[in-house]
N, C-alpha and C. Protein backbone atom coordinates (compact mmCIF):
# COMPACT_ATOMS: atom_id res chain seq x y z
N MET A 1 166.11 -18.41 -49.49
CA MET A 1 164.73 -18.54 -50.63
C MET A 1 163.67 -17.43 -50.44
N ALA A 2 162.76 -16.84 -51.38
CA ALA A 2 162.06 -16.17 -51.20
C ALA A 2 160.95 -16.53 -50.08
N SER A 3 159.76 -15.79 -49.68
CA SER A 3 158.93 -15.82 -48.75
C SER A 3 157.64 -16.83 -49.92
N SER A 4 157.63 -17.88 -49.02
CA SER A 4 156.59 -18.88 -49.76
C SER A 4 155.22 -18.50 -49.71
N ALA A 5 154.40 -18.56 -50.97
CA ALA A 5 152.86 -18.30 -50.90
C ALA A 5 152.37 -19.49 -50.27
N TYR A 6 152.89 -20.46 -49.66
CA TYR A 6 152.00 -21.70 -49.23
C TYR A 6 151.68 -21.30 -47.86
N LEU A 7 150.58 -21.93 -47.88
CA LEU A 7 149.79 -22.06 -46.55
C LEU A 7 150.79 -23.40 -45.94
N ASP A 8 150.68 -24.28 -46.51
CA ASP A 8 151.43 -25.70 -46.12
C ASP A 8 152.32 -25.68 -46.26
N SER A 9 153.84 -26.06 -45.44
CA SER A 9 154.93 -25.44 -46.01
C SER A 9 155.52 -26.92 -45.91
N PHE A 10 154.46 -28.34 -46.39
CA PHE A 10 155.35 -29.64 -46.53
C PHE A 10 155.95 -29.62 -47.32
N ALA A 11 156.26 -28.98 -48.53
CA ALA A 11 157.35 -29.56 -49.66
C ALA A 11 158.38 -28.67 -49.03
N ARG A 12 158.45 -27.41 -48.65
CA ARG A 12 159.82 -26.67 -48.29
C ARG A 12 160.33 -27.34 -47.11
N ASP A 13 159.41 -27.90 -46.29
CA ASP A 13 159.64 -28.71 -45.10
C ASP A 13 160.52 -30.20 -45.47
N SER A 14 160.20 -30.80 -46.25
CA SER A 14 160.66 -31.66 -47.12
C SER A 14 162.07 -31.54 -47.86
N LEU A 15 162.28 -30.63 -47.96
CA LEU A 15 163.93 -30.31 -49.15
C LEU A 15 164.88 -30.96 -48.10
N PRO A 16 165.94 -31.60 -48.63
CA PRO A 16 167.61 -32.04 -48.05
C PRO A 16 167.71 -30.40 -47.41
N PRO A 17 168.88 -30.80 -46.56
CA PRO A 17 169.16 -29.81 -45.81
C PRO A 17 170.00 -28.92 -46.94
N ARG A 18 170.12 -27.82 -46.89
CA ARG A 18 170.74 -26.60 -48.09
C ARG A 18 171.98 -26.86 -48.59
N GLU A 19 172.49 -27.66 -47.41
CA GLU A 19 173.93 -27.95 -47.51
C GLU A 19 174.29 -28.97 -48.39
N GLN A 20 173.09 -30.15 -48.62
CA GLN A 20 173.20 -30.89 -49.70
C GLN A 20 172.64 -30.66 -51.30
N TRP A 21 172.19 -29.31 -51.46
CA TRP A 21 172.03 -28.91 -52.84
C TRP A 21 172.85 -28.80 -53.75
N PRO A 22 172.52 -28.67 -55.11
CA PRO A 22 173.84 -28.55 -55.89
C PRO A 22 173.86 -27.09 -55.53
N ASP A 23 175.06 -26.38 -56.66
CA ASP A 23 174.79 -25.23 -57.03
C ASP A 23 174.25 -24.65 -58.15
N PHE A 24 173.12 -23.77 -58.25
CA PHE A 24 172.32 -23.14 -59.24
C PHE A 24 172.82 -22.36 -59.67
N LEU A 25 173.62 -22.27 -61.33
CA LEU A 25 174.17 -20.65 -61.90
C LEU A 25 173.01 -20.23 -62.65
N PHE A 26 172.07 -20.05 -62.12
CA PHE A 26 171.62 -19.28 -63.52
C PHE A 26 172.02 -17.92 -63.81
N THR A 27 173.21 -17.93 -64.57
CA THR A 27 173.76 -17.13 -65.07
C THR A 27 173.19 -15.91 -66.27
N LEU A 28 172.32 -17.13 -67.54
CA LEU A 28 171.94 -16.84 -68.63
C LEU A 28 170.93 -15.90 -68.77
N PRO A 29 170.82 -14.75 -69.14
CA PRO A 29 169.53 -13.87 -69.14
C PRO A 29 168.29 -14.39 -68.85
N GLU A 30 167.81 -15.75 -69.68
CA GLU A 30 166.58 -15.84 -69.93
C GLU A 30 166.66 -17.14 -68.47
N LEU A 31 167.43 -17.45 -67.79
CA LEU A 31 167.38 -17.53 -66.45
C LEU A 31 167.23 -16.91 -65.12
N ARG A 32 167.20 -15.82 -65.03
CA ARG A 32 167.20 -14.87 -64.32
C ARG A 32 166.02 -14.67 -63.71
N TYR A 33 165.27 -15.63 -63.10
CA TYR A 33 163.44 -15.38 -63.14
C TYR A 33 163.65 -14.17 -61.86
N PRO A 34 162.42 -13.47 -61.96
CA PRO A 34 162.07 -12.20 -60.75
C PRO A 34 161.82 -13.48 -59.38
N GLU A 35 162.02 -12.74 -58.49
CA GLU A 35 161.76 -13.40 -57.13
C GLU A 35 160.35 -13.79 -56.75
N ARG A 36 159.52 -13.05 -57.54
CA ARG A 36 157.75 -13.88 -57.66
C ARG A 36 157.53 -14.15 -58.57
N LEU A 37 156.82 -15.61 -59.29
CA LEU A 37 156.83 -15.98 -60.39
C LEU A 37 156.13 -17.47 -60.41
N ASN A 38 154.80 -17.34 -60.87
CA ASN A 38 154.15 -18.47 -61.50
C ASN A 38 154.23 -18.96 -61.95
N ALA A 39 154.89 -20.17 -62.51
CA ALA A 39 154.86 -20.54 -63.91
C ALA A 39 153.99 -20.80 -64.66
N VAL A 40 152.55 -20.70 -64.53
CA VAL A 40 151.83 -20.70 -65.72
C VAL A 40 151.77 -19.03 -66.45
N SER A 41 152.04 -18.25 -65.59
CA SER A 41 152.06 -16.90 -66.19
C SER A 41 152.69 -16.84 -66.93
N LYS A 42 154.27 -17.47 -67.23
CA LYS A 42 155.15 -17.74 -68.39
C LYS A 42 154.83 -18.69 -69.05
N LEU A 43 154.20 -19.74 -69.04
CA LEU A 43 153.94 -20.90 -70.00
C LEU A 43 152.38 -20.72 -70.81
N LEU A 44 151.56 -19.98 -69.99
CA LEU A 44 150.05 -19.93 -70.80
C LEU A 44 150.07 -18.24 -71.19
N ASP A 45 150.06 -17.66 -69.71
CA ASP A 45 149.19 -15.98 -69.75
C ASP A 45 150.49 -14.93 -70.31
N ALA A 46 151.43 -15.55 -70.98
CA ALA A 46 152.28 -14.77 -71.65
C ALA A 46 152.15 -14.36 -72.64
N HIS A 47 151.99 -15.38 -73.45
CA HIS A 47 151.42 -15.88 -74.98
C HIS A 47 150.10 -14.86 -75.35
N LEU A 48 148.87 -14.98 -74.25
CA LEU A 48 147.88 -13.80 -74.39
C LEU A 48 148.22 -12.76 -74.37
N GLY A 49 149.17 -12.25 -73.48
CA GLY A 49 149.67 -10.95 -73.42
C GLY A 49 150.04 -10.49 -74.62
N ALA A 50 150.83 -11.66 -75.22
CA ALA A 50 151.98 -11.17 -76.46
C ALA A 50 151.04 -11.04 -77.77
N GLY A 51 149.53 -11.45 -77.65
CA GLY A 51 148.55 -11.43 -78.53
C GLY A 51 148.65 -12.68 -79.33
N ARG A 52 149.16 -13.69 -79.04
CA ARG A 52 148.97 -15.04 -79.41
C ARG A 52 147.98 -16.11 -79.17
N GLY A 53 146.65 -15.02 -78.61
CA GLY A 53 145.59 -16.32 -78.23
C GLY A 53 144.87 -17.12 -78.94
N GLU A 54 145.02 -17.13 -80.15
CA GLU A 54 144.84 -17.83 -81.33
C GLU A 54 145.30 -19.11 -81.97
N ALA A 55 146.89 -18.36 -81.67
CA ALA A 55 148.02 -19.43 -81.77
C ALA A 55 147.65 -21.12 -81.13
N PRO A 56 148.10 -21.93 -81.58
CA PRO A 56 148.02 -23.51 -81.34
C PRO A 56 148.75 -23.31 -79.96
N CYS A 57 147.87 -23.94 -78.64
CA CYS A 57 148.95 -24.78 -77.81
C CYS A 57 148.64 -26.32 -77.37
N LEU A 58 147.78 -26.70 -77.45
CA LEU A 58 147.84 -28.59 -77.45
C LEU A 58 147.07 -28.82 -78.53
N ILE A 59 147.27 -29.86 -78.94
CA ILE A 59 146.56 -30.96 -79.83
C ILE A 59 146.94 -32.08 -79.44
N ALA A 60 145.08 -32.35 -79.73
CA ALA A 60 144.92 -33.76 -79.18
C ALA A 60 145.19 -35.12 -80.06
N GLN A 61 145.02 -36.53 -79.37
CA GLN A 61 145.20 -37.13 -80.52
C GLN A 61 144.71 -37.25 -81.87
N ASP A 62 143.29 -37.12 -81.62
CA ASP A 62 142.12 -37.13 -82.25
C ASP A 62 142.00 -35.92 -83.13
N GLY A 63 143.01 -34.91 -83.32
CA GLY A 63 143.49 -33.89 -84.01
C GLY A 63 142.69 -32.41 -83.79
N ARG A 64 142.21 -32.35 -82.82
CA ARG A 64 141.54 -31.44 -82.05
C ARG A 64 142.74 -30.28 -81.73
N ILE A 65 142.27 -29.09 -81.64
CA ILE A 65 143.58 -28.17 -81.70
C ILE A 65 143.03 -27.44 -80.67
N TRP A 66 143.88 -26.75 -79.71
CA TRP A 66 143.39 -26.15 -77.93
C TRP A 66 144.21 -24.76 -78.57
N SER A 67 143.58 -23.55 -78.74
CA SER A 67 144.61 -22.23 -79.10
C SER A 67 144.58 -22.05 -77.33
N TYR A 68 145.89 -20.99 -77.30
CA TYR A 68 146.09 -20.48 -75.98
C TYR A 68 145.02 -19.82 -75.31
N ALA A 69 144.36 -19.25 -75.96
CA ALA A 69 143.19 -18.80 -75.20
C ALA A 69 141.92 -19.59 -74.83
N GLU A 70 141.87 -20.68 -75.51
CA GLU A 70 140.77 -21.69 -75.24
C GLU A 70 141.20 -22.27 -73.97
N THR A 71 142.52 -23.00 -74.23
CA THR A 71 143.48 -23.45 -73.06
C THR A 71 143.53 -22.39 -71.69
N ALA A 72 143.78 -21.36 -71.90
CA ALA A 72 143.72 -20.38 -70.83
C ALA A 72 142.49 -20.24 -70.13
N ALA A 73 141.12 -20.44 -70.54
CA ALA A 73 140.05 -20.01 -69.98
C ALA A 73 139.54 -21.51 -69.25
N THR A 74 139.79 -22.49 -69.66
CA THR A 74 139.69 -23.68 -69.24
C THR A 74 140.90 -23.72 -68.00
N VAL A 75 142.04 -23.60 -68.19
CA VAL A 75 142.80 -23.88 -66.87
C VAL A 75 142.06 -22.59 -65.81
N ASN A 76 141.65 -21.54 -66.46
CA ASN A 76 141.16 -20.73 -65.01
C ASN A 76 139.65 -21.12 -64.73
N ARG A 77 138.63 -21.95 -65.50
CA ARG A 77 137.64 -22.53 -64.78
C ARG A 77 138.00 -23.66 -63.67
N ILE A 78 139.15 -24.41 -64.23
CA ILE A 78 139.65 -25.45 -63.14
C ILE A 78 139.93 -24.85 -61.81
N ALA A 79 141.05 -24.06 -62.01
CA ALA A 79 141.80 -23.19 -60.85
C ALA A 79 140.46 -22.77 -60.33
N HIS A 80 139.35 -22.29 -60.55
CA HIS A 80 138.29 -21.78 -59.51
C HIS A 80 137.52 -22.93 -58.92
N VAL A 81 137.23 -23.83 -59.57
CA VAL A 81 136.69 -25.19 -59.06
C VAL A 81 137.52 -25.94 -58.17
N LEU A 82 139.28 -25.83 -58.03
CA LEU A 82 140.18 -26.12 -57.11
C LEU A 82 139.71 -25.72 -56.02
N THR A 83 139.87 -24.36 -56.10
CA THR A 83 140.16 -23.08 -54.75
C THR A 83 139.12 -22.89 -54.30
N GLY A 84 138.13 -23.41 -54.84
CA GLY A 84 136.56 -23.17 -54.82
C GLY A 84 135.68 -24.50 -53.92
N PRO A 85 135.16 -25.30 -54.97
CA PRO A 85 134.15 -26.48 -54.30
C PRO A 85 135.14 -27.79 -53.92
N LEU A 86 136.37 -27.18 -54.38
CA LEU A 86 137.06 -28.60 -53.70
C LEU A 86 138.24 -28.39 -52.63
N GLY A 87 138.12 -26.64 -52.21
CA GLY A 87 139.00 -26.71 -51.20
C GLY A 87 140.60 -26.27 -51.10
N MET A 88 141.25 -26.61 -52.45
CA MET A 88 142.35 -26.27 -52.91
C MET A 88 143.02 -25.21 -51.79
N LYS A 89 144.59 -25.32 -51.29
CA LYS A 89 145.15 -24.29 -50.57
C LYS A 89 146.58 -24.31 -51.17
N PRO A 90 146.84 -23.03 -51.20
CA PRO A 90 148.20 -23.10 -51.92
C PRO A 90 149.35 -23.71 -50.97
N GLY A 91 149.87 -24.62 -51.56
CA GLY A 91 150.97 -25.50 -50.69
C GLY A 91 150.25 -26.92 -51.38
N ASP A 92 149.24 -27.27 -51.47
CA ASP A 92 148.29 -28.12 -51.03
C ASP A 92 149.12 -29.36 -52.03
N ARG A 93 149.44 -30.65 -52.10
CA ARG A 93 149.73 -31.74 -53.01
C ARG A 93 148.50 -32.48 -53.85
N VAL A 94 148.05 -32.37 -54.87
CA VAL A 94 146.99 -32.70 -55.69
C VAL A 94 147.19 -33.92 -56.64
N LEU A 95 147.19 -34.86 -56.45
CA LEU A 95 147.63 -35.92 -57.35
C LEU A 95 146.64 -36.46 -58.70
N LEU A 96 147.15 -36.28 -59.73
CA LEU A 96 146.89 -36.31 -60.98
C LEU A 96 146.96 -37.46 -61.75
N ARG A 97 145.93 -38.33 -62.04
CA ARG A 97 145.79 -39.64 -62.49
C ARG A 97 145.13 -39.96 -63.91
N ALA A 98 145.96 -40.08 -65.10
CA ALA A 98 145.31 -39.87 -66.57
C ALA A 98 146.38 -40.14 -67.44
N PRO A 99 146.00 -40.65 -68.82
CA PRO A 99 147.01 -40.49 -69.88
C PRO A 99 147.17 -39.24 -70.52
N ASN A 100 148.30 -39.45 -71.13
CA ASN A 100 148.70 -37.74 -71.52
C ASN A 100 147.87 -37.26 -72.70
N ASN A 101 147.04 -36.33 -71.94
CA ASN A 101 146.07 -35.72 -73.23
C ASN A 101 146.12 -34.02 -73.00
N PRO A 102 145.18 -33.57 -73.43
CA PRO A 102 145.07 -32.27 -73.26
C PRO A 102 144.01 -31.69 -71.81
N MET A 103 143.30 -32.39 -71.62
CA MET A 103 142.58 -32.51 -70.15
C MET A 103 143.62 -32.55 -69.43
N LEU A 104 144.68 -33.61 -68.90
CA LEU A 104 145.40 -33.93 -68.10
C LEU A 104 147.06 -32.26 -68.00
N ALA A 105 146.54 -31.74 -69.08
CA ALA A 105 147.99 -30.58 -69.44
C ALA A 105 146.72 -29.06 -68.49
N MET A 106 145.86 -29.12 -69.07
CA MET A 106 144.55 -27.99 -68.39
C MET A 106 144.51 -28.31 -66.78
N VAL A 107 144.87 -29.51 -66.48
CA VAL A 107 144.56 -29.91 -65.02
C VAL A 107 145.86 -29.32 -64.27
N TYR A 108 146.48 -30.01 -64.95
CA TYR A 108 147.99 -29.79 -64.34
C TYR A 108 148.57 -28.10 -64.21
N LEU A 109 148.06 -27.68 -65.28
CA LEU A 109 148.41 -26.03 -65.33
C LEU A 109 147.66 -25.61 -64.31
N ALA A 110 146.42 -25.67 -64.35
CA ALA A 110 145.46 -25.39 -63.40
C ALA A 110 145.58 -25.34 -61.56
N VAL A 111 146.30 -26.39 -61.59
CA VAL A 111 146.87 -26.85 -59.96
C VAL A 111 148.06 -25.76 -60.01
N LEU A 112 148.97 -25.47 -60.87
CA LEU A 112 150.15 -24.87 -60.80
C LEU A 112 149.55 -23.01 -60.75
N LYS A 113 148.69 -22.76 -61.52
CA LYS A 113 148.17 -21.54 -61.37
C LYS A 113 147.54 -21.23 -60.09
N ALA A 114 146.65 -22.37 -59.20
CA ALA A 114 146.41 -21.98 -58.33
C ALA A 114 147.29 -21.80 -56.95
N GLY A 115 148.33 -22.42 -57.04
CA GLY A 115 149.43 -22.56 -56.10
C GLY A 115 149.54 -23.96 -55.40
N GLY A 116 149.04 -24.96 -56.19
CA GLY A 116 149.14 -26.10 -55.77
C GLY A 116 150.44 -26.88 -56.19
N ILE A 117 150.74 -28.13 -55.71
CA ILE A 117 151.63 -28.98 -56.15
C ILE A 117 151.54 -30.25 -56.95
N VAL A 118 151.42 -30.22 -58.08
CA VAL A 118 151.25 -31.30 -58.93
C VAL A 118 152.23 -32.43 -58.48
N VAL A 119 151.23 -33.88 -58.55
CA VAL A 119 151.84 -35.36 -57.67
C VAL A 119 151.61 -35.89 -59.35
N ALA A 120 152.27 -35.80 -60.45
CA ALA A 120 151.38 -36.88 -61.62
C ALA A 120 152.12 -38.03 -61.50
N THR A 121 150.85 -39.00 -61.93
CA THR A 121 151.08 -40.49 -61.91
C THR A 121 151.19 -41.24 -62.98
N MET A 122 151.73 -42.40 -63.18
CA MET A 122 151.79 -43.17 -64.38
C MET A 122 150.15 -44.02 -64.12
N PRO A 123 149.79 -43.88 -65.55
CA PRO A 123 148.44 -44.76 -65.50
C PRO A 123 148.71 -46.38 -64.93
N MET A 124 149.91 -46.46 -65.28
CA MET A 124 150.34 -48.39 -65.10
C MET A 124 150.21 -48.58 -63.63
N LEU A 125 150.01 -47.63 -62.44
CA LEU A 125 150.20 -47.77 -61.27
C LEU A 125 149.26 -48.49 -60.77
N ARG A 126 149.12 -49.67 -59.88
CA ARG A 126 147.90 -50.07 -59.07
C ARG A 126 147.71 -49.65 -57.57
N ALA A 127 146.88 -49.65 -57.12
CA ALA A 127 146.36 -49.42 -55.60
C ALA A 127 147.85 -49.20 -54.66
N LYS A 128 148.42 -50.33 -54.47
CA LYS A 128 149.53 -50.42 -53.73
C LYS A 128 150.66 -49.14 -53.48
N GLU A 129 150.56 -49.05 -55.35
CA GLU A 129 151.79 -48.03 -55.64
C GLU A 129 151.38 -46.63 -55.34
N LEU A 130 150.15 -46.84 -55.88
CA LEU A 130 149.25 -45.06 -55.38
C LEU A 130 149.01 -44.95 -54.15
N GLY A 131 148.99 -45.57 -53.12
CA GLY A 131 149.05 -45.88 -51.86
C GLY A 131 150.77 -45.31 -51.31
N PHE A 132 151.00 -45.73 -51.49
CA PHE A 132 152.74 -45.33 -51.27
C PHE A 132 152.77 -43.70 -51.56
N ILE A 133 152.57 -43.09 -52.88
CA ILE A 133 152.57 -42.23 -53.16
C ILE A 133 151.68 -41.04 -52.61
N VAL A 134 150.31 -41.76 -52.57
CA VAL A 134 149.61 -41.01 -51.25
C VAL A 134 150.11 -40.19 -49.88
N ALA A 135 150.49 -41.79 -49.43
CA ALA A 135 151.00 -41.79 -47.90
C ALA A 135 152.45 -40.74 -48.20
N LYS A 136 153.17 -40.82 -48.86
CA LYS A 136 154.64 -39.81 -48.92
C LYS A 136 154.31 -38.18 -49.13
N THR A 137 153.12 -38.31 -50.11
CA THR A 137 152.99 -36.77 -49.85
C THR A 137 151.83 -35.91 -49.41
N ARG A 138 151.38 -36.77 -48.37
CA ARG A 138 149.83 -36.38 -48.03
C ARG A 138 149.24 -35.68 -48.93
N ILE A 139 148.42 -36.86 -49.64
CA ILE A 139 147.55 -36.38 -50.63
C ILE A 139 146.11 -36.25 -50.20
N ARG A 140 145.25 -35.18 -50.17
CA ARG A 140 143.77 -35.07 -50.07
C ARG A 140 142.96 -35.18 -51.10
N LEU A 141 143.57 -34.37 -52.22
CA LEU A 141 142.79 -34.24 -53.40
C LEU A 141 143.41 -35.23 -54.54
N ALA A 142 142.66 -35.75 -55.76
CA ALA A 142 143.10 -36.25 -56.85
C ALA A 142 141.89 -36.13 -57.73
N LEU A 143 142.83 -35.83 -58.60
CA LEU A 143 141.69 -35.74 -59.98
C LEU A 143 141.87 -36.85 -61.22
N CYS A 144 141.14 -37.49 -61.88
CA CYS A 144 141.41 -38.60 -62.12
C CYS A 144 140.53 -38.83 -63.60
N ASP A 145 141.16 -39.48 -64.69
CA ASP A 145 140.43 -39.83 -65.97
C ASP A 145 139.33 -40.77 -64.91
N PRO A 146 138.31 -41.16 -65.97
CA PRO A 146 137.22 -41.93 -65.46
C PRO A 146 137.92 -43.70 -65.55
N ARG A 147 138.50 -43.58 -66.59
CA ARG A 147 139.17 -44.82 -67.20
C ARG A 147 140.13 -45.56 -65.70
N LEU A 148 140.23 -44.71 -65.24
CA LEU A 148 141.18 -45.25 -63.90
C LEU A 148 141.17 -45.10 -62.93
N MET A 149 139.67 -44.90 -62.49
CA MET A 149 139.09 -44.50 -61.26
C MET A 149 139.23 -45.82 -60.35
N ASP A 150 139.28 -47.26 -61.25
CA ASP A 150 139.58 -48.47 -60.06
C ASP A 150 140.45 -48.50 -59.26
N GLU A 151 141.31 -48.52 -59.69
CA GLU A 151 142.76 -48.54 -58.69
C GLU A 151 143.19 -47.34 -57.56
N LEU A 152 142.37 -46.26 -57.87
CA LEU A 152 142.11 -45.04 -56.96
C LEU A 152 141.73 -45.09 -56.11
N THR A 153 140.24 -45.35 -56.67
CA THR A 153 139.37 -45.65 -55.44
C THR A 153 139.82 -46.89 -54.60
N LYS A 154 140.27 -47.80 -54.77
CA LYS A 154 140.96 -48.94 -54.17
C LYS A 154 141.68 -48.01 -52.70
N THR A 155 142.95 -47.38 -53.33
CA THR A 155 143.71 -46.76 -52.80
C THR A 155 143.13 -45.40 -51.76
N ALA A 156 142.19 -45.01 -52.01
CA ALA A 156 141.41 -44.31 -51.16
C ALA A 156 140.81 -44.74 -50.01
N ALA A 157 140.37 -45.93 -50.34
CA ALA A 157 139.65 -47.22 -49.31
C ALA A 157 140.13 -47.56 -48.07
N VAL A 158 142.11 -47.36 -48.33
CA VAL A 158 142.35 -47.74 -47.08
C VAL A 158 143.70 -46.50 -46.67
N ASN A 159 143.38 -45.59 -47.43
CA ASN A 159 144.09 -44.16 -47.31
C ASN A 159 143.17 -42.91 -46.96
N PRO A 160 142.95 -43.19 -46.03
CA PRO A 160 141.78 -42.07 -45.48
C PRO A 160 142.13 -40.57 -45.50
N LEU A 161 143.09 -40.07 -45.72
CA LEU A 161 143.48 -38.94 -45.72
C LEU A 161 143.20 -38.66 -47.19
N LEU A 162 143.21 -39.32 -48.07
CA LEU A 162 142.47 -38.76 -49.59
C LEU A 162 141.04 -38.97 -49.47
N ALA A 163 140.70 -37.68 -49.21
CA ALA A 163 139.43 -37.33 -48.48
C ALA A 163 138.45 -37.32 -50.18
N ARG A 164 138.94 -36.85 -51.63
CA ARG A 164 137.98 -36.52 -52.23
C ARG A 164 138.69 -36.73 -53.69
N ILE A 165 138.03 -37.67 -54.75
CA ILE A 165 138.78 -37.89 -55.71
C ILE A 165 137.26 -37.38 -56.90
N VAL A 166 138.24 -36.22 -57.80
CA VAL A 166 136.92 -36.16 -58.32
C VAL A 166 137.45 -36.40 -60.01
N GLU A 167 136.79 -37.16 -60.62
CA GLU A 167 136.59 -37.76 -62.34
C GLU A 167 136.99 -36.53 -62.85
N MET A 168 137.82 -36.79 -64.00
CA MET A 168 137.95 -35.60 -64.95
C MET A 168 137.49 -36.14 -66.51
N GLY A 169 136.05 -36.18 -65.93
CA GLY A 169 134.92 -35.96 -67.28
C GLY A 169 133.90 -35.58 -66.36
N ALA A 170 132.44 -35.66 -66.87
CA ALA A 170 131.39 -35.17 -66.48
C ALA A 170 131.22 -34.18 -64.97
N GLU A 171 131.80 -35.08 -64.26
CA GLU A 171 132.06 -34.36 -62.64
C GLU A 171 132.76 -33.22 -63.16
N LEU A 172 134.05 -33.07 -63.48
CA LEU A 172 134.92 -31.93 -63.43
C LEU A 172 133.97 -31.07 -64.16
N GLU A 173 133.59 -31.63 -65.42
CA GLU A 173 132.93 -30.78 -66.44
C GLU A 173 131.64 -30.13 -65.45
N ALA A 174 130.84 -30.58 -64.54
CA ALA A 174 129.60 -29.98 -64.07
C ALA A 174 130.32 -28.94 -63.13
N LEU A 175 131.56 -29.74 -62.21
CA LEU A 175 131.98 -28.03 -61.46
C LEU A 175 132.35 -27.03 -62.63
N MET A 176 132.56 -27.04 -63.31
CA MET A 176 133.54 -25.79 -64.29
C MET A 176 132.04 -25.06 -65.21
N GLU A 177 130.91 -25.71 -64.57
CA GLU A 177 129.78 -25.12 -65.61
C GLU A 177 129.67 -23.06 -65.07
N ALA A 178 129.52 -23.22 -64.17
CA ALA A 178 129.33 -22.17 -63.48
C ALA A 178 130.38 -20.81 -63.08
N ALA A 179 131.93 -21.66 -63.38
CA ALA A 179 133.18 -21.21 -63.07
C ALA A 179 133.72 -19.66 -63.84
N PRO A 180 134.20 -18.96 -63.56
CA PRO A 180 134.85 -17.71 -64.66
C PRO A 180 135.77 -18.16 -65.34
N ASP A 181 135.73 -17.63 -66.41
CA ASP A 181 137.03 -18.06 -67.06
C ASP A 181 138.15 -16.87 -67.12
N ALA A 182 137.90 -16.20 -65.93
CA ALA A 182 139.50 -15.43 -65.75
C ALA A 182 139.87 -15.76 -64.41
N PHE A 183 141.08 -16.03 -64.06
CA PHE A 183 142.10 -16.29 -62.64
C PHE A 183 143.11 -15.94 -62.38
N GLU A 184 143.21 -15.24 -61.41
CA GLU A 184 144.22 -14.39 -60.71
C GLU A 184 145.51 -15.82 -60.35
N ALA A 185 146.67 -15.82 -60.97
CA ALA A 185 147.58 -16.48 -60.59
C ALA A 185 147.97 -16.24 -59.21
N CYS A 186 148.31 -17.51 -58.64
CA CYS A 186 148.41 -17.44 -57.01
C CYS A 186 150.13 -16.63 -56.84
N ASP A 187 150.11 -15.90 -55.75
CA ASP A 187 151.47 -15.19 -55.93
C ASP A 187 152.89 -16.03 -55.31
N THR A 188 153.11 -16.59 -56.42
CA THR A 188 154.27 -18.18 -55.42
C THR A 188 155.74 -17.42 -55.92
N ALA A 189 156.57 -17.99 -55.06
CA ALA A 189 157.71 -17.67 -54.96
C ALA A 189 158.25 -18.18 -56.36
N ALA A 190 159.32 -17.85 -56.67
CA ALA A 190 160.11 -18.29 -57.88
C ALA A 190 160.50 -19.86 -57.75
N ASP A 191 161.06 -19.78 -56.17
CA ASP A 191 161.81 -21.22 -55.97
C ASP A 191 160.60 -22.30 -54.83
N ASP A 192 158.89 -21.91 -55.05
CA ASP A 192 158.11 -22.38 -54.40
C ASP A 192 158.51 -24.14 -55.32
N VAL A 193 158.10 -25.10 -54.91
CA VAL A 193 157.99 -26.55 -54.85
C VAL A 193 156.53 -26.41 -56.02
N CYS A 194 156.94 -26.71 -57.00
CA CYS A 194 155.39 -27.19 -57.88
C CYS A 194 155.06 -28.37 -58.17
N LEU A 195 155.95 -28.98 -58.15
CA LEU A 195 156.09 -30.46 -58.58
C LEU A 195 156.45 -31.54 -57.62
N ILE A 196 156.18 -32.79 -57.43
CA ILE A 196 156.72 -33.47 -56.98
C ILE A 196 156.50 -35.27 -57.83
N GLY A 197 157.81 -35.29 -58.61
CA GLY A 197 157.99 -36.58 -59.40
C GLY A 197 158.75 -37.80 -59.10
N PHE A 198 157.23 -39.02 -59.04
CA PHE A 198 157.91 -40.18 -58.19
C PHE A 198 158.75 -40.84 -59.74
N THR A 199 159.82 -41.47 -59.49
CA THR A 199 160.60 -42.15 -60.66
C THR A 199 159.93 -43.62 -60.36
N SER A 200 160.08 -44.56 -61.55
CA SER A 200 159.48 -45.72 -61.62
C SER A 200 159.70 -46.71 -60.83
N GLY A 201 161.30 -46.41 -59.98
CA GLY A 201 161.18 -47.53 -59.06
C GLY A 201 161.14 -47.18 -57.56
N THR A 202 160.45 -45.74 -57.43
CA THR A 202 160.31 -45.25 -56.01
C THR A 202 159.39 -45.84 -55.38
N THR A 203 158.29 -46.77 -56.40
CA THR A 203 156.93 -47.15 -55.43
C THR A 203 156.93 -49.07 -55.19
N GLY A 204 158.10 -49.03 -55.46
CA GLY A 204 158.66 -50.50 -55.33
C GLY A 204 158.29 -51.51 -54.38
């Protein structure tokens, strides 16, 4: 494994013993990643570098189209908010709670770009189930759609580790106002864990 960029080693420490891993066979040229790689550099920034900034990147349910340039600028502002006012450090887990929409996608990318680990949750989960996820992954920070705040607020009331919940609406927009639209991606290793996904049966 390459040297991790994470200050918090929780994710690597929680992996199974190496002898229990499957064999990863990255034989195709397009799968031969460099030792250092931030996913957002490939998913977003590479398109800007290739001159596709005005190409469609995200399409909202109401038909609004976000170009790669618009998406990148928003992602970068959110990344500044995460690492600045919200104090996120490389390796921190960040819980996301929202329906599938462009803002969720941009917050997701911002967490990865800033070196965080995304823990996305389904809108249907309730406080007890969210509490299991918070405790299992040691979540300190969450970003939540304003329509889904109630259950997460209940979770925080009995899980003191979850110290900050930011509303993905007016609160996040206010924090973003003064944030620059450029952000240098965290120098993560290609094998740094970038997401923790719970299946629908793990919170029962």
